[in-house]
Protein backbone atom coordinates (compact mmCIF):
# COMPACT_ATOMS: atom_id res chain seq x y z
CA MET A 1 29.57 41.03 -0.74
CA ALA A 2 27.40 40.26 2.60
CA ILE A 3 23.84 38.40 2.46
CA GLU A 4 21.37 41.03 3.06
CA ALA A 5 18.05 41.04 5.20
CA ASN A 6 15.22 39.00 3.42
CA GLN A 7 17.22 37.59 0.80
CA ILE A 8 16.85 34.00 0.57
CA VAL A 9 19.39 31.75 1.61
CA SER A 10 20.23 27.85 0.89
CA ILE A 11 22.52 26.05 2.49
CA GLU A 12 24.07 22.33 3.61
CA TYR A 13 24.96 21.92 7.02
CA GLU A 14 26.51 19.21 9.80
CA VAL A 15 26.64 20.12 13.29
CA SER A 16 27.97 18.19 16.39
CA ASP A 17 27.68 18.88 20.19
CA GLY A 18 31.69 18.10 20.86
CA GLU A 19 30.78 14.31 20.72
CA LYS A 20 28.85 13.40 17.82
CA VAL A 21 26.52 14.72 15.07
CA VAL A 22 23.46 15.74 15.92
CA ASP A 23 22.03 17.07 12.41
CA SER A 24 23.02 16.87 9.12
CA ASN A 25 21.35 17.55 5.68
CA ILE A 26 24.43 16.53 3.47
CA GLY A 27 22.99 14.58 0.43
CA GLY A 28 19.66 15.50 1.21
CA MET A 29 17.55 18.75 0.56
CA PRO A 30 19.10 22.33 1.39
CA LEU A 31 18.13 23.96 4.38
CA VAL A 32 16.17 27.18 2.98
CA PHE A 33 15.71 30.52 5.03
CA MET A 34 15.36 33.94 4.59
CA PHE A 35 17.63 35.67 5.95
CA GLY A 36 17.26 38.16 8.91
CA ARG A 37 14.32 36.80 9.94
CA GLY A 38 15.24 34.84 12.94
CA GLN A 39 14.53 31.58 11.12
CA ILE A 40 17.70 29.83 12.43
CA ILE A 41 20.21 30.12 15.34
CA PRO A 42 21.70 33.47 15.71
CA GLY A 43 25.09 32.32 15.72
CA LEU A 44 25.27 30.87 12.93
CA GLU A 45 22.95 33.22 10.76
CA ASN A 46 25.85 35.76 11.96
CA ALA A 47 28.67 33.73 10.92
CA ILE A 48 27.59 33.29 7.14
CA ALA A 49 26.46 36.94 6.80
CA ASN A 50 29.44 37.70 4.88
CA MET A 51 30.12 34.16 2.78
CA ALA A 52 29.40 33.89 -0.70
CA ILE A 53 27.74 31.02 -2.83
CA GLY A 54 29.70 27.81 -2.82
CA GLN A 55 31.68 29.14 0.27
CA LYS A 56 32.51 26.20 2.86
CA ALA A 57 33.50 27.12 6.64
CA GLU A 58 33.56 25.59 9.69
CA VAL A 59 31.69 27.61 12.61
CA LEU A 60 31.78 27.37 16.30
CA VAL A 61 28.62 28.51 17.98
CA LYS A 62 28.19 29.18 21.55
CA ALA A 63 25.46 28.13 23.51
CA GLU A 64 23.85 31.51 24.03
CA ASP A 65 24.07 32.15 20.09
CA ALA A 66 22.19 28.68 19.69
CA TYR A 67 19.76 27.29 22.08
CA GLY A 68 20.74 29.26 24.95
CA GLU A 69 22.28 27.95 28.47
CA TYR A 70 20.83 24.88 29.94
CA ASN A 71 18.15 26.18 32.75
CA ALA A 72 17.93 24.28 35.62
CA GLU A 73 14.21 25.95 36.63
CA ALA A 74 12.77 24.31 33.09
CA VAL A 75 12.72 21.12 34.71
CA GLN A 76 9.41 20.02 36.24
CA GLU A 77 7.88 16.90 38.44
CA VAL A 78 4.27 16.25 36.67
CA PRO A 79 2.03 13.48 38.54
CA LEU A 80 2.10 10.25 36.30
CA ASP A 81 -1.34 9.91 35.86
CA GLN A 82 -1.10 13.01 33.39
CA PHE A 83 0.70 10.61 30.89
CA ALA A 84 -2.01 7.85 31.35
CA GLY A 85 -1.94 5.73 28.10
CA ILE A 86 1.92 6.53 27.06
CA ASP A 87 4.62 4.45 27.56
CA LEU A 88 7.37 6.04 28.80
CA GLU A 89 11.05 5.99 28.77
CA GLU A 90 13.81 7.91 29.97
CA GLY A 91 15.46 9.80 27.58
CA MET A 92 12.18 10.35 25.14
CA SER A 93 10.81 13.55 24.02
CA LEU A 94 7.12 14.46 24.05
CA TYR A 95 5.31 17.08 22.16
CA GLY A 96 2.23 18.94 23.62
CA GLN A 97 0.70 22.12 23.69
CA GLY A 98 2.03 25.33 25.35
CA GLU A 99 -0.12 28.05 27.14
CA ASP A 100 0.97 30.19 23.88
CA GLY A 101 -0.84 27.41 21.91
CA GLY A 102 2.23 26.63 20.58
CA THR A 103 4.28 23.17 20.37
CA VAL A 104 6.53 22.68 23.02
CA GLN A 105 9.05 19.94 23.41
CA VAL A 106 10.19 17.81 26.61
CA ILE A 107 12.14 15.33 27.82
CA VAL A 108 11.43 13.02 29.82
CA LYS A 109 14.35 13.02 32.54
CA GLU A 110 13.35 10.05 35.34
CA ILE A 111 10.20 8.51 35.48
CA GLY A 112 9.27 7.59 39.75
CA ASN A 113 6.32 5.49 40.93
CA GLU A 114 4.34 8.81 41.38
CA SER A 115 5.73 11.43 39.09
CA VAL A 116 7.58 12.16 36.07
CA ILE A 117 10.59 14.72 36.12
CA ILE A 118 10.15 16.36 32.43
CA ASP A 119 12.54 18.89 31.10
CA PHE A 120 11.37 21.72 28.65
CA ASN A 121 14.88 22.79 27.67
CA HIS A 122 15.82 22.30 24.17
CA PRO A 123 17.88 18.82 23.68
CA LEU A 124 21.11 21.30 22.85
CA SER A 125 20.62 23.88 25.44
CA GLY A 126 23.77 24.57 26.89
CA LYS A 127 25.73 23.17 24.35
CA ASP A 128 28.70 24.94 22.01
CA LEU A 129 27.77 23.73 18.26
CA ALA A 130 30.21 23.05 15.70
CA PHE A 131 28.81 23.71 12.01
CA VAL A 132 30.41 22.66 8.74
CA VAL A 133 28.21 24.81 6.47
CA LEU A 134 28.33 25.33 2.59
CA VAL A 135 26.27 28.05 1.00
CA ASN A 136 24.76 27.04 -1.88
CA ASN A 137 22.28 29.68 -3.34
CA ILE A 138 21.48 33.21 -2.28
CA ARG A 139 18.91 35.18 -4.20
CA GLU A 140 16.56 38.06 -3.84
CA ALA A 141 12.94 37.16 -2.29
CA SER A 142 9.96 37.80 -4.50
CA ALA A 143 7.53 40.47 -3.10
CA GLU A 144 5.43 37.51 -2.16
CA GLU A 145 7.97 35.93 -0.27
CA ALA A 146 9.35 38.89 1.57
CA MET A 147 5.66 39.89 2.87
CA SER A 148 4.98 36.10 4.26
CA GLY A 149 8.52 35.27 5.28
CA ILE A 150 8.64 32.34 3.53
CA PRO A 151 10.78 31.07 0.91
CA ILE A 152 8.62 29.21 -1.87
CA GLU A 153 10.71 25.96 -1.58
CA ASN A 154 9.27 25.71 1.89
CA LEU A 155 6.04 25.77 0.93
CA GLN A 156 3.99 22.70 0.86
CA ASP A 157 1.94 22.33 -1.91
CA ASP A 158 -0.77 19.70 -2.10
CA CYS A 159 -1.36 20.04 -5.59
CA CYS A 160 2.12 18.97 -6.72
CA SER A 161 2.19 15.57 -4.69
CA SER A 162 -1.69 14.76 -5.96
CA GLY A 163 -0.59 15.00 -9.95
CA GLY A 164 -0.71 18.83 -10.50
CA GLY A 165 -3.47 20.86 -11.79
CA THR A 166 -4.18 24.10 -13.63
CA GLY A 167 -2.33 26.83 -12.31
CA CYS A 168 -0.27 24.78 -9.86
CA GLY A 169 3.21 25.74 -11.47
CA CYS A 170 4.06 21.99 -10.94
């Protein structure tokens, strides 16, 4: 039976870029997301669409269905003085605020005497990704989850970490 849009899905995964493992949650907290809302890369979501609870699969996700093709135009030269107070190293990730107010990640590609070359591409762009994925659970979303798009497992509930309290649900 296919996983349906707006169901809550829980998976364990390991992903490699053909050379090395780049991310894994095996033995840790599962990744919980609402299916059909674009919360995970499209190629992985499409690949698990017909999986069932307890099913494990090896999935190859092409770059265009993961983080996209590498865009050479997303590399920019920026004056070094814009990084005052930062101990720059080639290969390091920096986070800033984009024009739309969201967080953007850049990779420091090269450090010159007067400028820095930064890359706005996702570190995995242009790479096919090999996943080993296990579906732990599939369940219906509550009305609140369906409206917010956020599974209850992903809510940060400060009252639980501070010892609970009336109505905390801890």
